[in-house]
């Protein structure tokens, strides 16, 4: 199974779609108040996104104009690894 299965697309600040951990998107959770998009998880100084600025609705397939290129690259890499291929995009989008 792909690591990407644990993430889903959500719109942040009504401008850009990011991948967030499903386990933390439960509407009954209020902690942590800041969530990290997948593209921020490995950064030395990650930028957290306020929970209230993340849309409540899942986006099945965000358009290329709104999806975060780094999150998109991480998704492609995770799926390639799950298929037994080597990730080539390095999450660079």
C-alpha atoms as a PDB file:
ATOM      1  CA  UNK A   1       0.000   0.000   0.000  1.00  0.00           C
ATOM      2  CA  UNK A   2       1.205   3.487  -0.797  1.00  0.00           C
ATOM      3  CA  UNK A   3       2.194   5.842   1.997  1.00  0.00           C
ATOM      4  CA  UNK A   4      -0.071   8.333   0.215  1.00  0.00           C
ATOM      5  CA  UNK A   5      -3.114   6.394   1.466  1.00  0.00           C
ATOM      6  CA  UNK A   6      -2.704   8.150   4.810  1.00  0.00           C
ATOM      7  CA  UNK A   7      -3.128  11.601   3.266  1.00  0.00           C
ATOM      8  CA  UNK A   8      -5.877  13.505   1.519  1.00  0.00           C
ATOM      9  CA  UNK A   9      -6.143  16.711  -0.448  1.00  0.00           C
ATOM     10  CA  UNK A  10      -7.669  19.729   1.291  1.00  0.00           C
ATOM     11  CA  UNK A  11      -7.775  23.363   0.290  1.00  0.00           C
ATOM     12  CA  UNK A  12      -5.691  25.673   2.484  1.00  0.00           C
ATOM     13  CA  UNK A  13      -6.708  29.323   2.848  1.00  0.00           C
ATOM     14  CA  UNK A  14      -8.987  28.876  -0.154  1.00  0.00           C
ATOM     15  CA  UNK A  15      -5.968  29.159  -2.465  1.00  0.00           C
ATOM     16  CA  UNK A  16      -3.804  26.020  -2.618  1.00  0.00           C
ATOM     17  CA  UNK A  17      -4.528  22.308  -2.183  1.00  0.00           C
ATOM     18  CA  UNK A  18      -2.163  20.369   0.083  1.00  0.00           C
ATOM     19  CA  UNK A  19      -2.006  16.796   1.324  1.00  0.00           C
ATOM     20  CA  UNK A  20      -2.694  16.408   5.062  1.00  0.00           C
ATOM     21  CA  UNK A  21      -2.627  13.328   7.310  1.00  0.00           C
ATOM     22  CA  UNK A  22      -6.098  11.806   7.429  1.00  0.00           C
ATOM     23  CA  UNK A  23      -5.756  10.851  11.091  1.00  0.00           C
ATOM     24  CA  UNK A  24      -5.429  14.528  12.052  1.00  0.00           C
ATOM     25  CA  UNK A  25      -8.306  15.795   9.901  1.00  0.00           C
ATOM     26  CA  UNK A  26     -11.049  14.334  12.084  1.00  0.00           C
ATOM     27  CA  UNK A  27     -13.553  17.180  12.667  1.00  0.00           C
ATOM     28  CA  UNK A  28     -13.842  16.174  16.326  1.00  0.00           C
ATOM     29  CA  UNK A  29     -10.142  16.867  16.910  1.00  0.00           C
ATOM     30  CA  UNK A  30      -9.065  20.310  18.009  1.00  0.00           C
ATOM     31  CA  UNK A  31      -5.438  19.457  18.731  1.00  0.00           C
ATOM     32  CA  UNK A  32      -2.982  20.220  17.337  1.00  0.00           C
ATOM     33  CA  UNK A  33      -4.264  23.645  16.265  1.00  0.00           C
ATOM     34  CA  UNK A  34      -1.649  23.773  13.495  1.00  0.00           C
ATOM     35  CA  UNK A  35      -1.330  20.972  10.944  1.00  0.00           C
ATOM     36  CA  UNK A  36       1.581  20.238   8.661  1.00  0.00           C
ATOM     37  CA  UNK A  37       0.995  19.577   5.012  1.00  0.00           C
ATOM     38  CA  UNK A  38       3.018  16.641   3.679  1.00  0.00           C
ATOM     39  CA  UNK A  39       5.319  19.084   1.883  1.00  0.00           C
ATOM     40  CA  UNK A  40       6.284  20.624   5.247  1.00  0.00           C
ATOM     41  CA  UNK A  41       6.850  17.460   7.308  1.00  0.00           C
ATOM     42  CA  UNK A  42      10.545  17.022   6.492  1.00  0.00           C
ATOM     43  CA  UNK A  43      11.584  20.690   6.541  1.00  0.00           C
ATOM     44  CA  UNK A  44      13.833  21.984   9.292  1.00  0.00           C
ATOM     45  CA  UNK A  45      11.475  24.898   9.938  1.00  0.00           C
ATOM     46  CA  UNK A  46       8.056  23.714   8.800  1.00  0.00           C
ATOM     47  CA  UNK A  47       5.216  26.137   8.281  1.00  0.00           C
ATOM     48  CA  UNK A  48       2.146  24.950  10.100  1.00  0.00           C
ATOM     49  CA  UNK A  49      -1.303  25.609   8.684  1.00  0.00           C
ATOM     50  CA  UNK A  50      -4.039  26.731  11.042  1.00  0.00           C
ATOM     51  CA  UNK A  51      -6.674  24.037  11.339  1.00  0.00           C
ATOM     52  CA  UNK A  52      -9.422  26.636  10.777  1.00  0.00           C
ATOM     53  CA  UNK A  53      -7.856  27.662   7.428  1.00  0.00           C
ATOM     54  CA  UNK A  54      -8.024  24.085   6.061  1.00  0.00           C
ATOM     55  CA  UNK A  55     -11.243  23.194   4.258  1.00  0.00           C
ATOM     56  CA  UNK A  56     -13.499  20.635   5.881  1.00  0.00           C
ATOM     57  CA  UNK A  57     -14.167  18.926   2.562  1.00  0.00           C
ATOM     58  CA  UNK A  58     -11.852  16.461   0.841  1.00  0.00           C
ATOM     59  CA  UNK A  59     -10.804  17.293  -2.713  1.00  0.00           C
ATOM     60  CA  UNK A  60     -10.751  14.118  -4.794  1.00  0.00           C
ATOM     61  CA  UNK A  61      -8.589  15.465  -7.625  1.00  0.00           C
ATOM     62  CA  UNK A  62      -7.462  19.084  -7.352  1.00  0.00           C
ATOM     63  CA  UNK A  63      -6.641  20.846 -10.590  1.00  0.00           C
ATOM     64  CA  UNK A  64      -3.013  21.472 -11.466  1.00  0.00           C
ATOM     65  CA  UNK A  65      -3.525  25.197 -10.947  1.00  0.00           C
ATOM     66  CA  UNK A  66      -4.327  24.832  -7.225  1.00  0.00           C
ATOM     67  CA  UNK A  67      -2.416  21.748  -6.041  1.00  0.00           C
ATOM     68  CA  UNK A  68       0.896  22.196  -4.261  1.00  0.00           C
ATOM     69  CA  UNK A  69       3.658  20.978  -6.593  1.00  0.00           C
ATOM     70  CA  UNK A  70       5.726  19.537  -3.731  1.00  0.00           C
ATOM     71  CA  UNK A  71       2.790  17.589  -2.263  1.00  0.00           C
ATOM     72  CA  UNK A  72       2.006  16.348  -5.764  1.00  0.00           C
ATOM     73  CA  UNK A  73       5.596  15.146  -6.223  1.00  0.00           C
ATOM     74  CA  UNK A  74       5.543  13.338  -2.873  1.00  0.00           C
ATOM     75  CA  UNK A  75       2.304  11.622  -3.887  1.00  0.00           C
ATOM     76  CA  UNK A  76       3.788  10.452  -7.184  1.00  0.00           C
ATOM     77  CA  UNK A  77       6.931   9.195  -5.419  1.00  0.00           C
ATOM     78  CA  UNK A  78       4.967   7.277  -2.777  1.00  0.00           C
ATOM     79  CA  UNK A  79       2.836   5.601  -5.431  1.00  0.00           C
ATOM     80  CA  UNK A  80       5.907   4.685  -7.496  1.00  0.00           C
ATOM     81  CA  UNK A  81       7.570   3.115  -4.442  1.00  0.00           C
ATOM     82  CA  UNK A  82       4.380   1.161  -3.684  1.00  0.00           C
ATOM     83  CA  UNK A  83       4.482  -0.238  -7.233  1.00  0.00           C
ATOM     84  CA  UNK A  84       8.084  -1.333  -6.687  1.00  0.00           C
ATOM     85  CA  UNK A  85       9.543   1.485  -8.736  1.00  0.00           C
ATOM     86  CA  UNK A  86      12.049   3.980  -7.465  1.00  0.00           C
ATOM     87  CA  UNK A  87      10.641   7.414  -6.636  1.00  0.00           C
ATOM     88  CA  UNK A  88      12.146   9.859  -9.074  1.00  0.00           C
ATOM     89  CA  UNK A  89      10.537  13.186  -8.331  1.00  0.00           C
ATOM     90  CA  UNK A  90      11.887  13.518  -4.802  1.00  0.00           C
ATOM     91  CA  UNK A  91       8.824  15.457  -3.798  1.00  0.00           C
ATOM     92  CA  UNK A  92       9.989  18.395  -5.863  1.00  0.00           C
ATOM     93  CA  UNK A  93       6.777  18.499  -7.892  1.00  0.00           C
END
